PDB file of N, CA and C in Angstrom:
ATOM      1  N   MET A   1    -109.265 -89.863 117.070  1.00  0.00           N
ATOM      2  CA  MET A   1    -108.310 -90.575 116.442  1.00  0.00           C
ATOM      3  C   MET A   1    -107.066 -90.288 117.276  1.00  0.00           C
ATOM      4  N   ASN A   2    -106.745 -91.507 118.219  1.00  0.00           N
ATOM      5  CA  ASN A   2    -105.707 -91.630 119.028  1.00  0.00           C
ATOM      6  C   ASN A   2    -104.481 -91.260 118.357  1.00  0.00           C
ATOM      7  N   LEU A   3    -103.801 -90.526 118.355  1.00  0.00           N
ATOM      8  CA  LEU A   3    -102.300 -90.875 117.711  1.00  0.00           C
ATOM      9  C   LEU A   3    -101.317 -91.775 118.718  1.00  0.00           C
ATOM     10  N   PRO A   4    -100.570 -92.664 117.971  1.00  0.00           N
ATOM     11  CA  PRO A   4     -99.804 -93.494 118.787  1.00  0.00           C
ATOM     12  C   PRO A   4     -98.580 -93.073 119.707  1.00  0.00           C
ATOM     13  N   THR A   5     -97.996 -93.580 120.704  1.00  0.00           N
ATOM     14  CA  THR A   5     -97.370 -92.494 121.840  1.00  0.00           C
ATOM     15  C   THR A   5     -95.755 -92.974 121.281  1.00  0.00           C
ATOM     16  N   GLN A   6     -95.089 -92.494 122.002  1.00  0.00           N
ATOM     17  CA  GLN A   6     -93.528 -92.339 121.608  1.00  0.00           C
ATOM     18  C   GLN A   6     -93.149 -93.726 121.671  1.00  0.00           C
ATOM     19  N   ARG A   7     -93.253 -94.365 122.530  1.00  0.00           N
ATOM     20  CA  ARG A   7     -93.278 -95.347 122.889  1.00  0.00           C
ATOM     21  C   ARG A   7     -93.897 -96.708 121.968  1.00  0.00           C
ATOM     22  N   GLN A   8     -94.694 -96.215 121.360  1.00  0.00           N
ATOM     23  CA  GLN A   8     -95.881 -97.411 120.353  1.00  0.00           C
ATOM     24  C   GLN A   8     -94.831 -96.980 119.578  1.00  0.00           C
ATOM     25  N   LEU A   9     -94.777 -95.840 118.613  1.00  0.00           N
ATOM     26  CA  LEU A   9     -93.431 -95.746 117.886  1.00  0.00           C
ATOM     27  C   LEU A   9     -92.318 -96.297 117.875  1.00  0.00           C
ATOM     28  N   ALA A  10     -91.372 -96.510 118.792  1.00  0.00           N
ATOM     29  CA  ALA A  10     -89.978 -97.404 118.834  1.00  0.00           C
ATOM     30  C   ALA A  10     -90.795 -98.427 118.715  1.00  0.00           C
ATOM     31  N   ARG A  11     -91.766 -98.855 119.271  1.00  0.00           N
ATOM     32  CA  ARG A  11     -91.823-100.203 119.260  1.00  0.00           C
ATOM     33  C   ARG A  11     -91.931-100.777 117.685  1.00  0.00           C
ATOM     34  N   ALA A  12     -92.535 -99.870 117.110  1.00  0.00           N
ATOM     35  CA  ALA A  12     -92.913 -99.781 115.764  1.00  0.00           C
ATOM     36  C   ALA A  12     -91.781 -99.915 114.470  1.00  0.00           C
ATOM     37  N   VAL A  13     -90.964 -99.350 115.288  1.00  0.00           N
ATOM     38  CA  VAL A  13     -90.033 -99.096 114.512  1.00  0.00           C
ATOM     39  C   VAL A  13     -89.108-100.094 114.286  1.00  0.00           C
ATOM     40  N   GLN A  14     -88.699-100.232 115.656  1.00  0.00           N
ATOM     41  CA  GLN A  14     -87.907-101.994 116.444  1.00  0.00           C
ATOM     42  C   GLN A  14     -88.610-102.952 115.759  1.00  0.00           C
ATOM     43  N   ALA A  15     -89.685-103.001 115.323  1.00  0.00           N
ATOM     44  CA  ALA A  15     -90.480-104.306 114.717  1.00  0.00           C
ATOM     45  C   ALA A  15     -89.988-104.707 113.321  1.00  0.00           C
ATOM     46  N   GLN A  16     -89.964-103.006 112.840  1.00  0.00           N
ATOM     47  CA  GLN A  16     -89.795-103.356 111.237  1.00  0.00           C
ATOM     48  C   GLN A  16     -88.573-103.193 111.340  1.00  0.00           C
ATOM     49  N   GLU A  17     -87.401-102.895 111.806  1.00  0.00           N
ATOM     50  CA  GLU A  17     -86.294-103.043 111.374  1.00  0.00           C
ATOM     51  C   GLU A  17     -85.814-104.793 111.860  1.00  0.00           C
ATOM     52  N   LYS A  18     -86.826-105.068 112.711  1.00  0.00           N
ATOM     53  CA  LYS A  18     -85.843-106.513 113.261  1.00  0.00           C
ATOM     54  C   LYS A  18     -86.713-107.380 111.971  1.00  0.00           C
ATOM     55  N   ALA A  19     -87.693-106.824 111.272  1.00  0.00           N
ATOM     56  CA  ALA A  19     -88.587-107.763 110.012  1.00  0.00           C
ATOM     57  C   ALA A  19     -87.333-107.489 108.931  1.00  0.00           C
ATOM     58  N   GLU A  20     -87.190-106.395 108.441  1.00  0.00           N
ATOM     59  CA  GLU A  20     -85.884-106.198 107.602  1.00  0.00           C
ATOM     60  C   GLU A  20     -84.545-106.690 107.691  1.00  0.00           C
ATOM     61  N   MET A  21     -84.345-107.388 108.945  1.00  0.00           N
ATOM     62  CA  MET A  21     -83.167-108.039 109.493  1.00  0.00           C
ATOM     63  C   MET A  21     -83.083-109.133 109.243  1.00  0.00           C
ATOM     64  N   ALA A  22     -84.387-110.093 109.463  1.00  0.00           N
ATOM     65  CA  ALA A  22     -85.045-111.519 108.674  1.00  0.00           C
ATOM     66  C   ALA A  22     -84.602-111.794 107.550  1.00  0.00           C
ATOM     67  N   VAL A  23     -85.729-110.034 107.058  1.00  0.00           N
ATOM     68  CA  VAL A  23     -85.619-110.958 105.554  1.00  0.00           C
ATOM     69  C   VAL A  23     -84.290-110.972 104.755  1.00  0.00           C
ATOM     70  N   PHE A  24     -83.337-110.073 105.294  1.00  0.00           N
ATOM     71  CA  PHE A  24     -81.593-109.875 104.407  1.00  0.00           C
ATOM     72  C   PHE A  24     -81.463-111.369 105.268  1.00  0.00           C
ATOM     73  N   GLU A  25     -80.972-111.718 106.587  1.00  0.00           N
ATOM     74  CA  GLU A  25     -80.787-112.880 106.644  1.00  0.00           C
ATOM     75  C   GLU A  25     -80.918-113.910 106.256  1.00  0.00           C
ATOM     76  N   HIS A  26     -82.332-114.261 105.586  1.00  0.00           N
ATOM     77  CA  HIS A  26     -82.557-115.310 104.791  1.00  0.00           C
ATOM     78  C   HIS A  26     -82.356-115.491 103.626  1.00  0.00           C
ATOM     79  N   GLN A  27     -82.265-114.329 103.329  1.00  0.00           N
ATOM     80  CA  GLN A  27     -81.535-113.938 101.814  1.00  0.00           C
ATOM     81  C   GLN A  27     -80.483-114.565 101.790  1.00  0.00           C
ATOM     82  N   LEU A  28     -79.545-114.214 102.219  1.00  0.00           N
ATOM     83  CA  LEU A  28     -78.322-114.509 102.661  1.00  0.00           C
ATOM     84  C   LEU A  28     -77.467-116.186 102.554  1.00  0.00           C
ATOM     85  N   VAL A  29     -78.343-116.392 103.652  1.00  0.00           N
ATOM     86  CA  VAL A  29     -78.437-117.795 103.717  1.00  0.00           C
ATOM     87  C   VAL A  29     -79.061-118.417 102.299  1.00  0.00           C
ATOM     88  N   ALA A  30     -79.712-117.962 101.998  1.00  0.00           N
ATOM     89  CA  ALA A  30     -80.290-118.520 100.220  1.00  0.00           C
ATOM     90  C   ALA A  30     -79.599-118.400  99.238  1.00  0.00           C
ATOM     91  N   VAL A  31     -78.796-117.583  99.052  1.00  0.00           N
ATOM     92  CA  VAL A  31     -77.359-117.115  98.458  1.00  0.00           C
ATOM     93  C   VAL A  31     -76.476-117.990  98.382  1.00  0.00           C
ATOM     94  N   TYR A  32     -76.088-118.118  99.580  1.00  0.00           N
ATOM     95  CA  TYR A  32     -75.520-119.195 100.399  1.00  0.00           C
ATOM     96  C   TYR A  32     -75.563-120.656  99.746  1.00  0.00           C
ATOM     97  N   LEU A  33     -76.597-120.776 100.349  1.00  0.00           N
ATOM     98  CA  LEU A  33     -76.774-122.498  99.616  1.00  0.00           C
ATOM     99  C   LEU A  33     -77.265-122.935  98.466  1.00  0.00           C
ATOM    100  N   ARG A  34     -77.515-122.023  97.892  1.00  0.00           N
ATOM    101  CA  ARG A  34     -77.534-121.903  96.548  1.00  0.00           C
ATOM    102  C   ARG A  34     -75.637-122.050  95.715  1.00  0.00           C
ATOM    103  N   GLU A  35     -75.002-121.337  96.055  1.00  0.00           N
ATOM    104  CA  GLU A  35     -73.512-121.202  95.506  1.00  0.00           C
ATOM    105  C   GLU A  35     -72.827-122.686  96.469  1.00  0.00           C
ATOM    106  N   VAL A  36     -73.191-122.956  97.305  1.00  0.00           N
ATOM    107  CA  VAL A  36     -72.872-124.703  97.814  1.00  0.00           C
ATOM    108  C   VAL A  36     -73.746-125.310  96.909  1.00  0.00           C
ATOM    109  N   ASP A  37     -74.665-125.578  96.277  1.00  0.00           N
ATOM    110  CA  ASP A  37     -75.077-126.484  95.772  1.00  0.00           C
ATOM    111  C   ASP A  37     -74.632-126.148  94.312  1.00  0.00           C
ATOM    112  N   ARG A  38     -74.159-124.912  94.076  1.00  0.00           N
ATOM    113  CA  ARG A  38     -73.350-125.118  92.807  1.00  0.00           C
ATOM    114  C   ARG A  38     -72.511-125.478  92.523  1.00  0.00           C
ATOM    115  N   ILE A  39     -71.349-124.965  93.676  1.00  0.00           N
ATOM    116  CA  ILE A  39     -70.045-125.763  93.894  1.00  0.00           C
ATOM    117  C   ILE A  39     -70.077-127.542  93.624  1.00  0.00           C
ATOM    118  N   ASP A  40     -71.370-127.614  94.541  1.00  0.00           N
ATOM    119  CA  ASP A  40     -71.258-129.533  94.482  1.00  0.00           C
ATOM    120  C   ASP A  40     -71.275-129.945  93.367  1.00  0.00           C
ATOM    121  N   ALA A  41     -72.313-129.136  92.045  1.00  0.00           N
ATOM    122  CA  ALA A  41     -73.129-130.332  91.400  1.00  0.00           C
ATOM    123  C   ALA A  41     -71.355-130.139  90.352  1.00  0.00           C
ATOM    124  N   GLU A  42     -70.753-129.082  90.068  1.00  0.00           N
ATOM    125  CA  GLU A  42     -69.579-129.054  89.387  1.00  0.00           C
ATOM    126  C   GLU A  42     -68.458-130.073  89.562  1.00  0.00           C
ATOM    127  N   THR A  43     -68.676-130.055  91.292  1.00  0.00           N
ATOM    128  CA  THR A  43     -67.752-130.956  91.371  1.00  0.00           C
ATOM    129  C   THR A  43     -67.453-132.220  91.635  1.00  0.00           C
ATOM    130  N   LEU A  44     -69.012-132.900  91.749  1.00  0.00           N
ATOM    131  CA  LEU A  44     -69.622-133.965  91.376  1.00  0.00           C
ATOM    132  C   LEU A  44     -69.512-134.223  89.621  1.00  0.00           C
ATOM    133  N   ALA A  45     -69.732-133.668  88.982  1.00  0.00           N
ATOM    134  CA  ALA A  45     -69.762-133.501  87.625  1.00  0.00           C
ATOM    135  C   ALA A  45     -68.387-133.731  87.322  1.00  0.00           C
ATOM    136  N   GLU A  46     -67.381-132.939  87.783  1.00  0.00           N
ATOM    137  CA  GLU A  46     -66.002-133.333  87.592  1.00  0.00           C
ATOM    138  C   GLU A  46     -65.532-134.974  87.737  1.00  0.00           C
ATOM    139  N   VAL A  47     -65.889-135.450  88.952  1.00  0.00           N
ATOM    140  CA  VAL A  47     -65.437-136.538  89.559  1.00  0.00           C
ATOM    141  C   VAL A  47     -65.573-137.771  88.589  1.00  0.00           C
ATOM    142  N   VAL A  48     -66.874-137.333  88.240  1.00  0.00           N
ATOM    143  CA  VAL A  48     -68.121-138.505  87.937  1.00  0.00           C
ATOM    144  C   VAL A  48     -66.968-138.468  86.441  1.00  0.00           C
ATOM    145  N   LYS A  49     -66.907-137.571  85.836  1.00  0.00           N
ATOM    146  CA  LYS A  49     -65.907-137.462  84.122  1.00  0.00           C
ATOM    147  C   LYS A  49     -64.823-137.960  84.621  1.00  0.00           C
ATOM    148  N   THR A  50     -64.439-137.739  85.188  1.00  0.00           N
ATOM    149  CA  THR A  50     -62.836-138.287  85.764  1.00  0.00           C
ATOM    150  C   THR A  50     -62.873-139.694  85.773  1.00  0.00           C
ATOM    151  N   ALA A  51     -64.043-140.312  86.762  1.00  0.00           N
ATOM    152  CA  ALA A  51     -63.805-141.649  86.796  1.00  0.00           C
ATOM    153  C   ALA A  51     -63.988-142.145  85.884  1.00  0.00           C
ATOM    154  N   LEU A  52     -64.718-141.844  84.701  1.00  0.00           N
ATOM    155  CA  LEU A  52     -65.576-142.438  83.510  1.00  0.00           C
ATOM    156  C   LEU A  52     -64.138-142.239  82.569  1.00  0.00           C
ATOM    157  N   GLU A  53     -63.388-141.098  83.112  1.00  0.00           N
ATOM    158  CA  GLU A  53     -62.161-141.395  81.654  1.00  0.00           C
ATOM    159  C   GLU A  53     -61.102-142.242  81.855  1.00  0.00           C
ATOM    160  N   GLU A  54     -61.113-142.400  83.847  1.00  0.00           N
ATOM    161  CA  GLU A  54     -60.194-143.246  83.893  1.00  0.00           C
ATOM    162  C   GLU A  54     -60.793-145.184  83.777  1.00  0.00           C
ATOM    163  N   GLY A  55     -61.832-145.342  83.620  1.00  0.00           N
ATOM    164  CA  GLY A  55     -62.657-146.673  83.491  1.00  0.00           C
ATOM    165  C   GLY A  55     -62.034-146.834  82.333  1.00  0.00           C
ATOM    166  N   LEU A  56     -62.181-145.723  81.340  1.00  0.00           N
ATOM    167  CA  LEU A  56     -62.602-145.839  80.056  1.00  0.00           C
ATOM    168  C   LEU A  56     -60.868-145.821  79.364  1.00  0.00           C
ATOM    169  N   ASN A  57     -59.886-145.645  79.868  1.00  0.00           N
ATOM    170  CA  ASN A  57     -58.636-145.979  79.601  1.00  0.00           C
ATOM    171  C   ASN A  57     -58.233-147.494  80.593  1.00  0.00           C
ATOM    172  N   VAL A  58     -58.843-147.526  81.619  1.00  0.00           N
ATOM    173  CA  VAL A  58     -58.184-148.836  81.635  1.00  0.00           C
ATOM    174  C   VAL A  58     -58.560-150.155  80.593  1.00  0.00           C
ATOM    175  N   LEU A  59     -60.359-149.390  80.173  1.00  0.00           N
ATOM    176  CA  LEU A  59     -60.688-150.703  79.176  1.00  0.00           C
ATOM    177  C   LEU A  59     -59.911-150.837  78.508  1.00  0.00           C
ATOM    178  N   ASP A  60     -59.758-149.732  77.727  1.00  0.00           N
ATOM    179  CA  ASP A  60     -59.118-149.693  76.574  1.00  0.00           C
ATOM    180  C   ASP A  60     -57.692-150.107  76.533  1.00  0.00           C
ATOM    181  N   PHE A  61     -56.386-149.677  77.841  1.00  0.00           N
ATOM    182  CA  PHE A  61     -55.182-150.321  78.224  1.00  0.00           C
ATOM    183  C   PHE A  61     -55.450-151.714  77.622  1.00  0.00           C
ATOM    184  N   GLY A  62     -56.321-152.277  78.722  1.00  0.00           N
ATOM    185  CA  GLY A  62     -56.567-153.588  79.156  1.00  0.00           C
ATOM    186  C   GLY A  62     -56.740-154.554  77.724  1.00  0.00           C
ATOM    187  N   LEU A  63     -57.856-154.246  76.860  1.00  0.00           N
ATOM    188  CA  LEU A  63     -58.253-155.176  75.896  1.00  0.00           C
ATOM    189  C   LEU A  63     -57.175-154.636  74.563  1.00  0.00           C
ATOM    190  N   SER A  64     -56.595-153.355  74.593  1.00  0.00           N
ATOM    191  CA  SER A  64     -55.230-154.236  74.282  1.00  0.00           C
ATOM    192  C   SER A  64     -54.445-154.816  74.159  1.00  0.00           C
ATOM    193  N   LEU A  65     -54.159-155.247  75.374  1.00  0.00           N
ATOM    194  CA  LEU A  65     -53.173-155.970  76.024  1.00  0.00           C
ATOM    195  C   LEU A  65     -53.942-157.544  76.516  1.00  0.00           C
ATOM    196  N   ALA A  66     -55.061-157.259  76.142  1.00  0.00           N
ATOM    197  CA  ALA A  66     -55.995-159.216  75.924  1.00  0.00           C
ATOM    198  C   ALA A  66     -55.728-159.479  74.165  1.00  0.00           C
ATOM    199  N   ALA A  67     -55.332-158.306  73.456  1.00  0.00           N
ATOM    200  CA  ALA A  67     -55.238-159.366  71.788  1.00  0.00           C
ATOM    201  C   ALA A  67     -56.253-160.043  71.721  1.00  0.00           C
ATOM    202  N   GLY A  68     -57.485-159.764  71.885  1.00  0.00           N
ATOM    203  CA  GLY A  68     -58.540-160.500  70.928  1.00  0.00           C
ATOM    204  C   GLY A  68     -58.300-162.125  71.723  1.00  0.00           C
ATOM    205  N   SER A  69     -57.839-162.294  73.154  1.00  0.00           N
ATOM    206  CA  SER A  69     -57.939-163.339  74.193  1.00  0.00           C
ATOM    207  C   SER A  69     -59.701-163.212  74.421  1.00  0.00           C
ATOM    208  N   PRO A  70     -60.541-164.189  74.606  1.00  0.00           N
ATOM    209  CA  PRO A  70     -62.067-163.856  75.398  1.00  0.00           C
ATOM    210  C   PRO A  70     -61.587-164.319  76.766  1.00  0.00           C
ATOM    211  N   ALA A  71     -60.547-165.037  77.050  1.00  0.00           N
ATOM    212  CA  ALA A  71     -60.444-165.298  78.680  1.00  0.00           C
ATOM    213  C   ALA A  71     -59.372-163.421  79.010  1.00  0.00           C
ATOM    214  N   LYS A  72     -58.712-163.140  78.734  1.00  0.00           N
ATOM    215  CA  LYS A  72     -58.111-161.902  79.171  1.00  0.00           C
ATOM    216  C   LYS A  72     -58.945-160.653  79.130  1.00  0.00           C
ATOM    217  N   ALA A  73     -59.947-160.540  78.143  1.00  0.00           N
ATOM    218  CA  ALA A  73     -61.085-159.338  77.860  1.00  0.00           C
ATOM    219  C   ALA A  73     -61.688-160.124  79.323  1.00  0.00           C
ATOM    220  N   GLU A  74     -62.176-161.032  79.513  1.00  0.00           N
ATOM    221  CA  GLU A  74     -63.064-161.535  80.364  1.00  0.00           C
ATOM    222  C   GLU A  74     -62.667-160.731  82.052  1.00  0.00           C
ATOM    223  N   LEU A  75     -61.060-161.042  81.773  1.00  0.00           N
ATOM    224  CA  LEU A  75     -60.753-160.357  83.459  1.00  0.00           C
ATOM    225  C   LEU A  75     -60.492-158.999  83.641  1.00  0.00           C
ATOM    226  N   VAL A  76     -59.749-158.105  82.008  1.00  0.00           N
ATOM    227  CA  VAL A  76     -60.274-156.543  81.737  1.00  0.00           C
ATOM    228  C   VAL A  76     -61.712-156.210  82.387  1.00  0.00           C
ATOM    229  N   SER A  77     -62.804-156.430  81.777  1.00  0.00           N
ATOM    230  CA  SER A  77     -63.972-156.288  82.018  1.00  0.00           C
ATOM    231  C   SER A  77     -64.259-156.388  83.748  1.00  0.00           C
ATOM    232  N   ARG A  78     -63.934-157.684  84.004  1.00  0.00           N
ATOM    233  CA  ARG A  78     -63.959-157.551  85.776  1.00  0.00           C
ATOM    234  C   ARG A  78     -63.275-156.789  86.684  1.00  0.00           C
ATOM    235  N   LEU A  79     -62.128-156.403  85.849  1.00  0.00           N
ATOM    236  CA  LEU A  79     -61.236-155.339  86.698  1.00  0.00           C
ATOM    237  C   LEU A  79     -62.066-153.850  86.617  1.00  0.00           C
ATOM    238  N   VAL A  80     -62.831-153.818  85.332  1.00  0.00           N
ATOM    239  CA  VAL A  80     -63.139-152.259  85.255  1.00  0.00           C
ATOM    240  C   VAL A  80     -64.265-151.962  85.793  1.00  0.00           C
ATOM    241  N   SER A  81     -65.229-153.300  86.333  1.00  0.00           N
ATOM    242  CA  SER A  81     -66.016-153.073  87.260  1.00  0.00           C
ATOM    243  C   SER A  81     -66.232-153.094  88.832  1.00  0.00           C
ATOM    244  N   MET A  82     -64.772-153.832  88.618  1.00  0.00           N
ATOM    245  CA  MET A  82     -63.991-153.688  90.124  1.00  0.00           C
ATOM    246  C   MET A  82     -63.918-152.011  90.384  1.00  0.00           C
ATOM    247  N   GLN A  83     -63.241-151.458  89.365  1.00  0.00           N
ATOM    248  CA  GLN A  83     -62.689-150.008  89.362  1.00  0.00           C
ATOM    249  C   GLN A  83     -63.985-148.896  89.834  1.00  0.00           C
ATOM    250  N   SER A  84     -65.038-149.708  89.102  1.00  0.00           N
ATOM    251  CA  SER A  84     -66.399-148.589  88.366  1.00  0.00           C
ATOM    252  C   SER A  84     -66.933-148.655  89.745  1.00  0.00           C
ATOM    253  N   LYS A  85     -66.926-150.097  90.820  1.00  0.00           N
ATOM    254  CA  LYS A  85     -67.609-149.877  91.823  1.00  0.00           C
ATOM    255  C   LYS A  85     -67.402-148.965  93.278  1.00  0.00           C
ATOM    256  N   ILE A  86     -65.604-149.316  93.209  1.00  0.00           N
ATOM    257  CA  ILE A  86     -65.329-148.547  94.063  1.00  0.00           C
ATOM    258  C   ILE A  86     -65.317-147.333  93.966  1.00  0.00           C
ATOM    259  N   ASP A  87     -64.987-146.312  92.561  1.00  0.00           N
ATOM    260  CA  ASP A  87     -65.342-145.510  91.724  1.00  0.00           C
ATOM    261  C   ASP A  87     -66.456-144.940  92.871  1.00  0.00           C
ATOM    262  N   ASN A  88     -67.792-145.691  92.481  1.00  0.00           N
ATOM    263  CA  ASN A  88     -69.029-145.082  92.505  1.00  0.00           C
ATOM    264  C   ASN A  88     -69.772-145.201  94.138  1.00  0.00           C
ATOM    265  N   ALA A  89     -68.920-146.142  95.106  1.00  0.00           N
ATOM    266  CA  ALA A  89     -68.819-146.055  96.448  1.00  0.00           C
ATOM    267  C   ALA A  89     -68.103-144.830  96.887  1.00  0.00           C
ATOM    268  N   ARG A  90     -67.134-144.498  96.216  1.00  0.00           N
ATOM    269  CA  ARG A  90     -66.184-143.170  97.491  1.00  0.00           C
ATOM    270  C   ARG A  90     -67.276-142.184  97.075  1.00  0.00           C
ATOM    271  N   ILE A  91     -67.663-141.624  95.610  1.00  0.00           N
ATOM    272  CA  ILE A  91     -68.426-140.743  95.191  1.00  0.00           C
ATOM    273  C   ILE A  91     -69.545-140.742  95.877  1.00  0.00           C
ATOM    274  N   ALA A  92     -70.315-142.006  96.340  1.00  0.00           N
ATOM    275  CA  ALA A  92     -71.648-142.025  97.206  1.00  0.00           C
ATOM    276  C   ALA A  92     -71.306-141.184  98.236  1.00  0.00           C
ATOM    277  N   ARG A  93     -70.249-142.141  99.161  1.00  0.00           N
ATOM    278  CA  ARG A  93     -69.477-141.729 100.524  1.00  0.00           C
ATOM    279  C   ARG A  93     -69.225-140.069 100.382  1.00  0.00           C
ATOM    280  N   ARG A  94     -68.737-139.601  99.494  1.00  0.00           N
ATOM    281  CA  ARG A  94     -68.572-137.919  99.202  1.00  0.00           C
ATOM    282  C   ARG A  94     -69.364-137.247  99.194  1.00  0.00           C
ATOM    283  N   PHE A  95     -70.213-137.716  98.284  1.00  0.00           N
ATOM    284  CA  PHE A  95     -71.091-136.617  97.886  1.00  0.00           C
ATOM    285  C   PHE A  95     -72.766-136.853  98.758  1.00  0.00           C
ATOM    286  N   GLY A  96     -72.789-138.373  99.145  1.00  0.00           N
ATOM    287  CA  GLY A  96     -74.200-138.459 100.558  1.00  0.00           C
ATOM    288  C   GLY A  96     -75.037-138.846  99.384  1.00  0.00           C
ATOM    289  N   GLY A  97     -74.508-139.815  98.407  1.00  0.00           N
ATOM    290  CA  GLY A  97     -75.459-140.434  97.152  1.00  0.00           C
ATOM    291  C   GLY A  97     -76.167-142.018  97.744  1.00  0.00           C
TER     292      GLY A  97
END
């Protein structure tokens, strides 16, 4: 049986260290990506909730001003729809949807 030479041992140690470093770097990237995804998801949820709340506030306010008038209620509906489309487009641009 042939024993490994010093050079072979040095290469083996170097290969092991390289493999360990590659695994460590992969783990760091995975943790980073996981955290970025979590932050993006939380931020998106906050943005969507805010857009919804604002849309509902405008709807409630507009309907109170409409005072039962179908024509005024229709105008409020159109404006709330426009606001929603603008918000949705902004959210899609920001979050890539």
